[in-house]
PDB file of all heavy atoms in Angstrom:
ATOM      1  N   GLY A   1      27.045  26.773 -74.692  1.00  0.00           N
ATOM      2  CA  GLY A   1      27.966  27.157 -75.749  1.00  0.00           C
ATOM      3  C   GLY A   1      28.207  28.651 -75.838  1.00  0.00           C
ATOM      4  O   GLY A   1      28.970  29.112 -76.688  1.00  0.00           O
ATOM      5  N   LYS A   2      27.566  29.432 -74.957  1.00  0.00           N
ATOM      6  CA  LYS A   2      27.749  30.880 -74.995  1.00  0.00           C
ATOM      7  C   LYS A   2      29.098  31.282 -74.410  1.00  0.00           C
ATOM      8  O   LYS A   2      29.621  30.630 -73.505  1.00  0.00           O
ATOM      9  CB  LYS A   2      26.619  31.569 -74.224  1.00  0.00           C
ATOM     10  CG  LYS A   2      25.261  31.440 -74.896  1.00  0.00           C
ATOM     11  CD  LYS A   2      24.185  32.175 -74.111  1.00  0.00           C
ATOM     12  CE  LYS A   2      22.836  32.084 -74.817  1.00  0.00           C
ATOM     13  NZ  LYS A   2      21.767  32.785 -74.048  1.00  0.00           N
ATOM     14  N   ALA A   3      29.645  32.374 -74.934  1.00  0.00           N
ATOM     15  CA  ALA A   3      30.920  32.885 -74.438  1.00  0.00           C
ATOM     16  C   ALA A   3      30.722  33.513 -73.063  1.00  0.00           C
ATOM     17  O   ALA A   3      29.891  34.405 -72.891  1.00  0.00           O
ATOM     18  CB  ALA A   3      31.494  33.907 -75.407  1.00  0.00           C
ATOM     19  N   VAL A   4      31.459  33.038 -72.081  1.00  0.00           N
ATOM     20  CA  VAL A   4      31.414  33.567 -70.725  1.00  0.00           C
ATOM     21  C   VAL A   4      32.443  34.673 -70.547  1.00  0.00           C
ATOM     22  O   VAL A   4      32.196  35.678 -69.892  1.00  0.00           O
ATOM     23  CB  VAL A   4      31.675  32.438 -69.705  1.00  0.00           C
ATOM     24  CG1 VAL A   4      31.727  32.974 -68.282  1.00  0.00           C
ATOM     25  CG2 VAL A   4      30.616  31.361 -69.831  1.00  0.00           C
ATOM     26  N   ARG A   5      33.600  34.480 -71.160  1.00  0.00           N
ATOM     27  CA  ARG A   5      34.706  35.414 -70.988  1.00  0.00           C
ATOM     28  C   ARG A   5      35.579  35.365 -72.238  1.00  0.00           C
ATOM     29  O   ARG A   5      35.795  34.289 -72.804  1.00  0.00           O
ATOM     30  CB  ARG A   5      35.490  34.952 -69.778  1.00  0.00           C
ATOM     31  CG  ARG A   5      36.417  35.879 -69.030  1.00  0.00           C
ATOM     32  CD  ARG A   5      35.798  37.088 -68.437  1.00  0.00           C
ATOM     33  NE  ARG A   5      36.156  37.251 -67.033  1.00  0.00           N
ATOM     34  CZ  ARG A   5      36.307  38.420 -66.442  1.00  0.00           C
ATOM     35  NH1 ARG A   5      36.150  39.532 -67.108  1.00  0.00           N
ATOM     36  NH2 ARG A   5      36.592  38.503 -65.163  1.00  0.00           N
ATOM     37  N   THR A   6      36.064  36.508 -72.683  1.00  0.00           N
ATOM     38  CA  THR A   6      37.105  36.537 -73.700  1.00  0.00           C
ATOM     39  C   THR A   6      38.196  37.480 -73.229  1.00  0.00           C
ATOM     40  O   THR A   6      37.923  38.459 -72.524  1.00  0.00           O
ATOM     41  CB  THR A   6      36.594  37.006 -75.084  1.00  0.00           C
ATOM     42  OG1 THR A   6      36.229  38.379 -75.014  1.00  0.00           O
ATOM     43  CG2 THR A   6      35.414  36.174 -75.544  1.00  0.00           C
ATOM     44  N   ALA A   7      39.427  37.159 -73.560  1.00  0.00           N
ATOM     45  CA  ALA A   7      40.555  38.000 -73.170  1.00  0.00           C
ATOM     46  C   ALA A   7      41.545  38.065 -74.310  1.00  0.00           C
ATOM     47  O   ALA A   7      41.754  37.073 -75.015  1.00  0.00           O
ATOM     48  CB  ALA A   7      41.227  37.446 -71.907  1.00  0.00           C
ATOM     49  N   GLU A   8      42.140  39.210 -74.510  1.00  0.00           N
ATOM     50  CA  GLU A   8      43.149  39.386 -75.551  1.00  0.00           C
ATOM     51  C   GLU A   8      44.511  39.639 -74.920  1.00  0.00           C
ATOM     52  O   GLU A   8      44.629  40.405 -73.952  1.00  0.00           O
ATOM     53  CB  GLU A   8      42.798  40.556 -76.468  1.00  0.00           C
ATOM     54  CG  GLU A   8      43.797  40.727 -77.614  1.00  0.00           C
ATOM     55  CD  GLU A   8      43.502  41.950 -78.459  1.00  0.00           C
ATOM     56  OE1 GLU A   8      43.248  43.019 -77.857  1.00  0.00           O
ATOM     57  OE2 GLU A   8      43.516  41.845 -79.688  1.00  0.00           O
ATOM     58  N   PHE A   9      45.531  38.996 -75.475  1.00  0.00           N
ATOM     59  CA  PHE A   9      46.891  39.118 -74.957  1.00  0.00           C
ATOM     60  C   PHE A   9      47.825  39.572 -76.064  1.00  0.00           C
ATOM     61  O   PHE A   9      47.698  39.123 -77.205  1.00  0.00           O
ATOM     62  CB  PHE A   9      47.371  37.773 -74.402  1.00  0.00           C
ATOM     63  CG  PHE A   9      46.570  37.278 -73.244  1.00  0.00           C
ATOM     64  CD1 PHE A   9      45.393  36.578 -73.448  1.00  0.00           C
ATOM     65  CD2 PHE A   9      46.971  37.527 -71.946  1.00  0.00           C
ATOM     66  CE1 PHE A   9      44.631  36.130 -72.385  1.00  0.00           C
ATOM     67  CE2 PHE A   9      46.215  37.089 -70.870  1.00  0.00           C
ATOM     68  CZ  PHE A   9      45.049  36.390 -71.091  1.00  0.00           C
ATOM     69  N   SER A  10      48.767  40.429 -75.710  1.00  0.00           N
ATOM     70  CA  SER A  10      49.858  40.770 -76.612  1.00  0.00           C
ATOM     71  C   SER A  10      51.041  39.884 -76.264  1.00  0.00           C
ATOM     72  O   SER A  10      51.377  39.711 -75.095  1.00  0.00           O
ATOM     73  CB  SER A  10      50.252  42.242 -76.468  1.00  0.00           C
ATOM     74  OG  SER A  10      49.221  43.078 -76.927  1.00  0.00           O
ATOM     75  N   GLY A  11      51.689  39.324 -77.267  1.00  0.00           N
ATOM     76  CA  GLY A  11      52.785  38.396 -77.041  1.00  0.00           C
ATOM     77  C   GLY A  11      52.310  36.975 -77.258  1.00  0.00           C
ATOM     78  O   GLY A  11      51.292  36.744 -77.908  1.00  0.00           O
ATOM     79  N   VAL A  12      53.039  36.020 -76.719  1.00  0.00           N
ATOM     80  CA  VAL A  12      52.705  34.609 -76.900  1.00  0.00           C
ATOM     81  C   VAL A  12      52.310  34.007 -75.558  1.00  0.00           C
ATOM     82  O   VAL A  12      53.026  34.137 -74.575  1.00  0.00           O
ATOM     83  CB  VAL A  12      53.888  33.828 -77.500  1.00  0.00           C
ATOM     84  CG1 VAL A  12      53.534  32.356 -77.661  1.00  0.00           C
ATOM     85  CG2 VAL A  12      54.269  34.420 -78.850  1.00  0.00           C
ATOM     86  N   VAL A  13      51.186  33.358 -75.536  1.00  0.00           N
ATOM     87  CA  VAL A  13      50.679  32.734 -74.312  1.00  0.00           C
ATOM     88  C   VAL A  13      51.448  31.438 -74.046  1.00  0.00           C
ATOM     89  O   VAL A  13      51.585  30.598 -74.923  1.00  0.00           O
ATOM     90  CB  VAL A  13      49.177  32.444 -74.452  1.00  0.00           C
ATOM     91  CG1 VAL A  13      48.655  31.711 -73.227  1.00  0.00           C
ATOM     92  CG2 VAL A  13      48.399  33.732 -74.688  1.00  0.00           C
ATOM     93  N   LEU A  14      51.922  31.272 -72.814  1.00  0.00           N
ATOM     94  CA  LEU A  14      52.643  30.052 -72.440  1.00  0.00           C
ATOM     95  C   LEU A  14      51.696  28.899 -72.127  1.00  0.00           C
ATOM     96  O   LEU A  14      52.030  27.742 -72.359  1.00  0.00           O
ATOM     97  CB  LEU A  14      53.525  30.304 -71.209  1.00  0.00           C
ATOM     98  CG  LEU A  14      54.557  31.430 -71.296  1.00  0.00           C
ATOM     99  CD1 LEU A  14      55.404  31.443 -70.040  1.00  0.00           C
ATOM    100  CD2 LEU A  14      55.417  31.277 -72.525  1.00  0.00           C
ATOM    101  N   GLY A  15      50.545  29.186 -71.561  1.00  0.00           N
ATOM    102  CA  GLY A  15      49.608  28.127 -71.210  1.00  0.00           C
ATOM    103  C   GLY A  15      48.420  28.696 -70.471  1.00  0.00           C
ATOM    104  O   GLY A  15      48.396  29.882 -70.101  1.00  0.00           O
ATOM    105  N   GLN A  16      47.412  27.874 -70.273  1.00  0.00           N
ATOM    106  CA  GLN A  16      46.203  28.280 -69.566  1.00  0.00           C
ATOM    107  C   GLN A  16      45.715  27.127 -68.714  1.00  0.00           C
ATOM    108  O   GLN A  16      46.085  25.970 -68.933  1.00  0.00           O
ATOM    109  CB  GLN A  16      45.104  28.680 -70.561  1.00  0.00           C
ATOM    110  CG  GLN A  16      44.647  27.512 -71.443  1.00  0.00           C
ATOM    111  CD  GLN A  16      43.351  27.789 -72.181  1.00  0.00           C
ATOM    112  OE1 GLN A  16      42.611  28.710 -71.873  1.00  0.00           O
ATOM    113  NE2 GLN A  16      43.050  26.960 -73.188  1.00  0.00           N
ATOM    114  N   ALA A  17      44.877  27.436 -67.735  1.00  0.00           N
ATOM    115  CA  ALA A  17      44.262  26.402 -66.901  1.00  0.00           C
ATOM    116  C   ALA A  17      42.939  26.932 -66.367  1.00  0.00           C
ATOM    117  O   ALA A  17      42.745  28.147 -66.254  1.00  0.00           O
ATOM    118  CB  ALA A  17      45.185  26.004 -65.748  1.00  0.00           C
ATOM    119  N   LEU A  18      42.043  26.009 -66.044  1.00  0.00           N
ATOM    120  CA  LEU A  18      40.743  26.359 -65.478  1.00  0.00           C
ATOM    121  C   LEU A  18      40.568  25.707 -64.113  1.00  0.00           C
ATOM    122  O   LEU A  18      40.739  24.492 -63.976  1.00  0.00           O
ATOM    123  CB  LEU A  18      39.600  25.891 -66.381  1.00  0.00           C
ATOM    124  CG  LEU A  18      39.318  26.654 -67.672  1.00  0.00           C
ATOM    125  CD1 LEU A  18      38.229  25.928 -68.465  1.00  0.00           C
ATOM    126  CD2 LEU A  18      38.878  28.088 -67.390  1.00  0.00           C
ATOM    127  N   THR A  19      40.229  26.512 -63.102  1.00  0.00           N
ATOM    128  CA  THR A  19      39.639  25.969 -61.889  1.00  0.00           C
ATOM    129  C   THR A  19      38.133  25.970 -62.129  1.00  0.00           C
ATOM    130  O   THR A  19      37.675  26.295 -63.215  1.00  0.00           O
ATOM    131  CB  THR A  19      39.987  26.818 -60.652  1.00  0.00           C
ATOM    132  OG1 THR A  19      39.302  28.081 -60.749  1.00  0.00           O
ATOM    133  CG2 THR A  19      41.487  27.058 -60.549  1.00  0.00           C
ATOM    134  N   ASN A  20      37.345  25.640 -61.123  1.00  0.00           N
ATOM    135  CA  ASN A  20      35.895  25.679 -61.321  1.00  0.00           C
ATOM    136  C   ASN A  20      35.355  27.092 -61.476  1.00  0.00           C
ATOM    137  O   ASN A  20      34.259  27.275 -62.012  1.00  0.00           O
ATOM    138  CB  ASN A  20      35.188  24.984 -60.161  1.00  0.00           C
ATOM    139  CG  ASN A  20      35.291  23.475 -60.258  1.00  0.00           C
ATOM    140  OD1 ASN A  20      35.657  22.927 -61.300  1.00  0.00           O
ATOM    141  ND2 ASN A  20      34.978  22.784 -59.162  1.00  0.00           N
ATOM    142  N   GLY A  21      36.117  28.089 -61.002  1.00  0.00           N
ATOM    143  CA  GLY A  21      35.602  29.451 -61.074  1.00  0.00           C
ATOM    144  C   GLY A  21      36.537  30.470 -61.683  1.00  0.00           C
ATOM    145  O   GLY A  21      36.220  31.659 -61.702  1.00  0.00           O
ATOM    146  N   THR A  22      37.672  30.022 -62.230  1.00  0.00           N
ATOM    147  CA  THR A  22      38.683  30.972 -62.685  1.00  0.00           C
ATOM    148  C   THR A  22      39.398  30.477 -63.933  1.00  0.00           C
ATOM    149  O   THR A  22      39.723  29.289 -64.051  1.00  0.00           O
ATOM    150  CB  THR A  22      39.735  31.209 -61.583  1.00  0.00           C
ATOM    151  OG1 THR A  22      39.089  31.678 -60.401  1.00  0.00           O
ATOM    152  CG2 THR A  22      40.782  32.233 -62.012  1.00  0.00           C
ATOM    153  N   LEU A  23      39.652  31.392 -64.850  1.00  0.00           N
ATOM    154  CA  LEU A  23      40.573  31.166 -65.960  1.00  0.00           C
ATOM    155  C   LEU A  23      41.919  31.758 -65.571  1.00  0.00           C
ATOM    156  O   LEU A  23      41.991  32.901 -65.109  1.00  0.00           O
ATOM    157  CB  LEU A  23      40.073  31.842 -67.236  1.00  0.00           C
ATOM    158  CG  LEU A  23      41.107  32.015 -68.364  1.00  0.00           C
ATOM    159  CD1 LEU A  23      41.492  30.664 -68.960  1.00  0.00           C
ATOM    160  CD2 LEU A  23      40.580  32.961 -69.444  1.00  0.00           C
ATOM    161  N   ALA A  24      42.995  30.991 -65.732  1.00  0.00           N
ATOM    162  CA  ALA A  24      44.350  31.475 -65.463  1.00  0.00           C
ATOM    163  C   ALA A  24      45.176  31.353 -66.737  1.00  0.00           C
ATOM    164  O   ALA A  24      45.130  30.319 -67.417  1.00  0.00           O
ATOM    165  CB  ALA A  24      45.002  30.685 -64.338  1.00  0.00           C
ATOM    166  N   VAL A  25      45.932  32.400 -67.050  1.00  0.00           N
ATOM    167  CA  VAL A  25      46.747  32.427 -68.265  1.00  0.00           C
ATOM    168  C   VAL A  25      48.161  32.851 -67.886  1.00  0.00           C
ATOM    169  O   VAL A  25      48.345  33.854 -67.186  1.00  0.00           O
ATOM    170  CB  VAL A  25      46.175  33.401 -69.313  1.00  0.00           C
ATOM    171  CG1 VAL A  25      47.016  33.385 -70.581  1.00  0.00           C
ATOM    172  CG2 VAL A  25      44.727  33.046 -69.640  1.00  0.00           C
ATOM    173  N   GLU A  26      49.155  32.082 -68.342  1.00  0.00           N
ATOM    174  CA  GLU A  26      50.544  32.427 -68.053  1.00  0.00           C
ATOM    175  C   GLU A  26      51.231  33.006 -69.283  1.00  0.00           C
ATOM    176  O   GLU A  26      51.111  32.478 -70.388  1.00  0.00           O
ATOM    177  CB  GLU A  26      51.326  31.200 -67.575  1.00  0.00           C
ATOM    178  CG  GLU A  26      52.759  31.558 -67.179  1.00  0.00           C
ATOM    179  CD  GLU A  26      53.523  30.419 -66.532  1.00  0.00           C
ATOM    180  OE1 GLU A  26      53.239  29.248 -66.877  1.00  0.00           O
ATOM    181  OE2 GLU A  26      54.387  30.693 -65.685  1.00  0.00           O
ATOM    182  N   THR A  27      51.963  34.107 -69.075  1.00  0.00           N
ATOM    183  CA  THR A  27      52.757  34.726 -70.120  1.00  0.00           C
ATOM    184  C   THR A  27      54.152  34.991 -69.575  1.00  0.00           C
ATOM    185  O   THR A  27      54.388  34.914 -68.373  1.00  0.00           O
ATOM    186  CB  THR A  27      52.127  36.054 -70.578  1.00  0.00           C
ATOM    187  OG1 THR A  27      52.015  36.919 -69.445  1.00  0.00           O
ATOM    188  CG2 THR A  27      50.745  35.837 -71.178  1.00  0.00           C
ATOM    189  N   ALA A  28      55.089  35.288 -70.476  1.00  0.00           N
ATOM    190  CA  ALA A  28      56.446  35.600 -70.046  1.00  0.00           C
ATOM    191  C   ALA A  28      57.109  36.463 -71.095  1.00  0.00           C
ATOM    192  O   ALA A  28      56.558  36.705 -72.169  1.00  0.00           O
ATOM    193  CB  ALA A  28      57.258  34.331 -69.800  1.00  0.00           C
ATOM    194  N   GLN A  29      58.308  36.930 -70.794  1.00  0.00           N
ATOM    195  CA  GLN A  29      59.055  37.761 -71.723  1.00  0.00           C
ATOM    196  C   GLN A  29      60.238  37.013 -72.319  1.00  0.00           C
ATOM    197  O   GLN A  29      61.134  37.622 -72.901  1.00  0.00           O
ATOM    198  CB  GLN A  29      59.524  39.033 -71.015  1.00  0.00           C
ATOM    199  CG  GLN A  29      58.369  39.909 -70.549  1.00  0.00           C
ATOM    200  CD  GLN A  29      58.825  41.183 -69.870  1.00  0.00           C
ATOM    201  OE1 GLN A  29      59.955  41.606 -70.040  1.00  0.00           O
ATOM    202  NE2 GLN A  29      57.938  41.795 -69.111  1.00  0.00           N
ATOM    203  N   ASN A  30      60.264  35.694 -72.147  1.00  0.00           N
ATOM    204  CA  ASN A  30      61.330  34.883 -72.700  1.00  0.00           C
ATOM    205  C   ASN A  30      60.795  33.476 -72.910  1.00  0.00           C
ATOM    206  O   ASN A  30      59.589  33.253 -72.820  1.00  0.00           O
ATOM    207  CB  ASN A  30      62.553  34.894 -71.774  1.00  0.00           C
ATOM    208  CG  ASN A  30      63.858  34.776 -72.541  1.00  0.00           C
ATOM    209  OD1 ASN A  30      63.961  34.002 -73.493  1.00  0.00           O
ATOM    210  ND2 ASN A  30      64.865  35.535 -72.125  1.00  0.00           N
ATOM    211  N   TYR A  31      61.696  32.510 -73.154  1.00  0.00           N
ATOM    212  CA  TYR A  31      61.268  31.146 -73.402  1.00  0.00           C
ATOM    213  C   TYR A  31      60.868  30.407 -72.137  1.00  0.00           C
ATOM    214  O   TYR A  31      60.533  29.230 -72.180  1.00  0.00           O
ATOM    215  CB  TYR A  31      62.395  30.363 -74.087  1.00  0.00           C
ATOM    216  CG  TYR A  31      62.738  30.848 -75.466  1.00  0.00           C
ATOM    217  CD1 TYR A  31      63.798  31.725 -75.662  1.00  0.00           C
ATOM    218  CD2 TYR A  31      62.004  30.425 -76.564  1.00  0.00           C
ATOM    219  CE1 TYR A  31      64.126  32.170 -76.927  1.00  0.00           C
ATOM    220  CE2 TYR A  31      62.316  30.870 -77.833  1.00  0.00           C
ATOM    221  CZ  TYR A  31      63.381  31.745 -78.015  1.00  0.00           C
ATOM    222  OH  TYR A  31      63.693  32.191 -79.269  1.00  0.00           O
ATOM    223  N   PHE A  32      60.933  31.055 -71.016  1.00  0.00           N
ATOM    224  CA  PHE A  32      60.687  30.415 -69.725  1.00  0.00           C
ATOM    225  C   PHE A  32      60.212  31.486 -68.749  1.00  0.00           C
ATOM    226  O   PHE A  32      60.460  32.677 -68.939  1.00  0.00           O
ATOM    227  CB  PHE A  32      61.975  29.770 -69.206  1.00  0.00           C
ATOM    228  CG  PHE A  32      63.193  30.597 -69.464  1.00  0.00           C
ATOM    229  CD1 PHE A  32      63.514  31.679 -68.651  1.00  0.00           C
ATOM    230  CD2 PHE A  32      64.003  30.338 -70.556  1.00  0.00           C
ATOM    231  CE1 PHE A  32      64.629  32.463 -68.899  1.00  0.00           C
ATOM    232  CE2 PHE A  32      65.122  31.127 -70.813  1.00  0.00           C
ATOM    233  CZ  PHE A  32      65.439  32.189 -69.985  1.00  0.00           C
ATOM    234  N   PRO A  33      59.519  31.091 -67.699  1.00  0.00           N
ATOM    235  CA  PRO A  33      59.003  32.087 -66.757  1.00  0.00           C
ATOM    236  C   PRO A  33      60.028  32.609 -65.761  1.00  0.00           C
ATOM    237  O   PRO A  33      59.850  33.693 -65.215  1.00  0.00           O
ATOM    238  CB  PRO A  33      57.876  31.339 -66.037  1.00  0.00           C
ATOM    239  CG  PRO A  33      58.258  29.902 -66.133  1.00  0.00           C
ATOM    240  CD  PRO A  33      58.973  29.746 -67.441  1.00  0.00           C
ATOM    241  N   ALA A  34      61.097  31.851 -65.508  1.00  0.00           N
ATOM    242  CA  ALA A  34      62.073  32.257 -64.501  1.00  0.00           C
ATOM    243  C   ALA A  34      63.051  33.290 -65.056  1.00  0.00           C
ATOM    244  O   ALA A  34      63.185  33.454 -66.268  1.00  0.00           O
ATOM    245  CB  ALA A  34      62.837  31.039 -63.991  1.00  0.00           C
ATOM    246  N   GLY A  35      63.749  33.987 -64.165  1.00  0.00           N
ATOM    247  CA  GLY A  35      64.797  34.923 -64.557  1.00  0.00           C
ATOM    248  C   GLY A  35      64.309  35.986 -65.513  1.00  0.00           C
ATOM    249  O   GLY A  35      63.344  36.701 -65.244  1.00  0.00           O
ATOM    250  N   SER A  36      64.980  36.077 -66.652  1.00  0.00           N
ATOM    251  CA  SER A  36      64.623  37.101 -67.635  1.00  0.00           C
ATOM    252  C   SER A  36      63.250  36.867 -68.254  1.00  0.00           C
ATOM    253  O   SER A  36      62.707  37.745 -68.920  1.00  0.00           O
ATOM    254  CB  SER A  36      65.676  37.150 -68.746  1.00  0.00           C
ATOM    255  OG  SER A  36      65.742  35.908 -69.442  1.00  0.00           O
ATOM    256  N   GLY A  37      62.686  35.674 -68.024  1.00  0.00           N
ATOM    257  CA  GLY A  37      61.344  35.406 -68.535  1.00  0.00           C
ATOM    258  C   GLY A  37      60.283  36.266 -67.887  1.00  0.00           C
ATOM    259  O   GLY A  37      59.281  36.615 -68.498  1.00  0.00           O
ATOM    260  N   LYS A  38      60.509  36.606 -66.603  1.00  0.00           N
ATOM    261  CA  LYS A  38      59.573  37.461 -65.876  1.00  0.00           C
ATOM    262  C   LYS A  38      58.133  36.970 -66.058  1.00  0.00           C
ATOM    263  O   LYS A  38      57.256  37.701 -66.525  1.00  0.00           O
ATOM    264  CB  LYS A  38      59.702  38.914 -66.320  1.00  0.00           C
ATOM    265  CG  LYS A  38      61.078  39.504 -66.032  1.00  0.00           C
ATOM    266  CD  LYS A  38      61.168  40.960 -66.460  1.00  0.00           C
ATOM    267  CE  LYS A  38      62.545  41.529 -66.153  1.00  0.00           C
ATOM    268  NZ  LYS A  38      62.682  42.939 -66.574  1.00  0.00           N
ATOM    269  N   GLY A  39      57.910  35.724 -65.677  1.00  0.00           N
ATOM    270  CA  GLY A  39      56.591  35.132 -65.864  1.00  0.00           C
ATOM    271  C   GLY A  39      55.497  35.853 -65.107  1.00  0.00           C
ATOM    272  O   GLY A  39      55.715  36.404 -64.027  1.00  0.00           O
ATOM    273  N   THR A  40      54.320  35.848 -65.689  1.00  0.00           N
ATOM    274  CA  THR A  40      53.139  36.461 -65.081  1.00  0.00           C
ATOM    275  C   THR A  40      51.946  35.541 -65.275  1.00  0.00           C
ATOM    276  O   THR A  40      51.757  34.977 -66.352  1.00  0.00           O
ATOM    277  CB  THR A  40      52.822  37.825 -65.722  1.00  0.00           C
ATOM    278  OG1 THR A  40      53.916  38.710 -65.534  1.00  0.00           O
ATOM    279  CG2 THR A  40      51.568  38.431 -65.108  1.00  0.00           C
ATOM    280  N   ILE A  41      51.159  35.359 -64.231  1.00  0.00           N
ATOM    281  CA  ILE A  41      49.896  34.637 -64.342  1.00  0.00           C
ATOM    282  C   ILE A  41      48.767  35.630 -64.095  1.00  0.00           C
ATOM    283  O   ILE A  41      48.768  36.348 -63.094  1.00  0.00           O
ATOM    284  CB  ILE A  41      49.821  33.468 -63.353  1.00  0.00           C
ATOM    285  CG1 ILE A  41      50.796  32.372 -63.780  1.00  0.00           C
ATOM    286  CG2 ILE A  41      48.401  32.906 -63.265  1.00  0.00           C
ATOM    287  CD1 ILE A  41      50.827  31.163 -62.881  1.00  0.00           C
TER     288      ILE A  41
END
């Protein structure tokens, strides 16, 4: 139950996923990752 990792984001997080060894977080600058959304993982 101990915290392994914490991360803070500015803006609104689109989603997250876990592999066995990695946390992945997707953000964007619009309602979608494509085009003007400029998605980032």
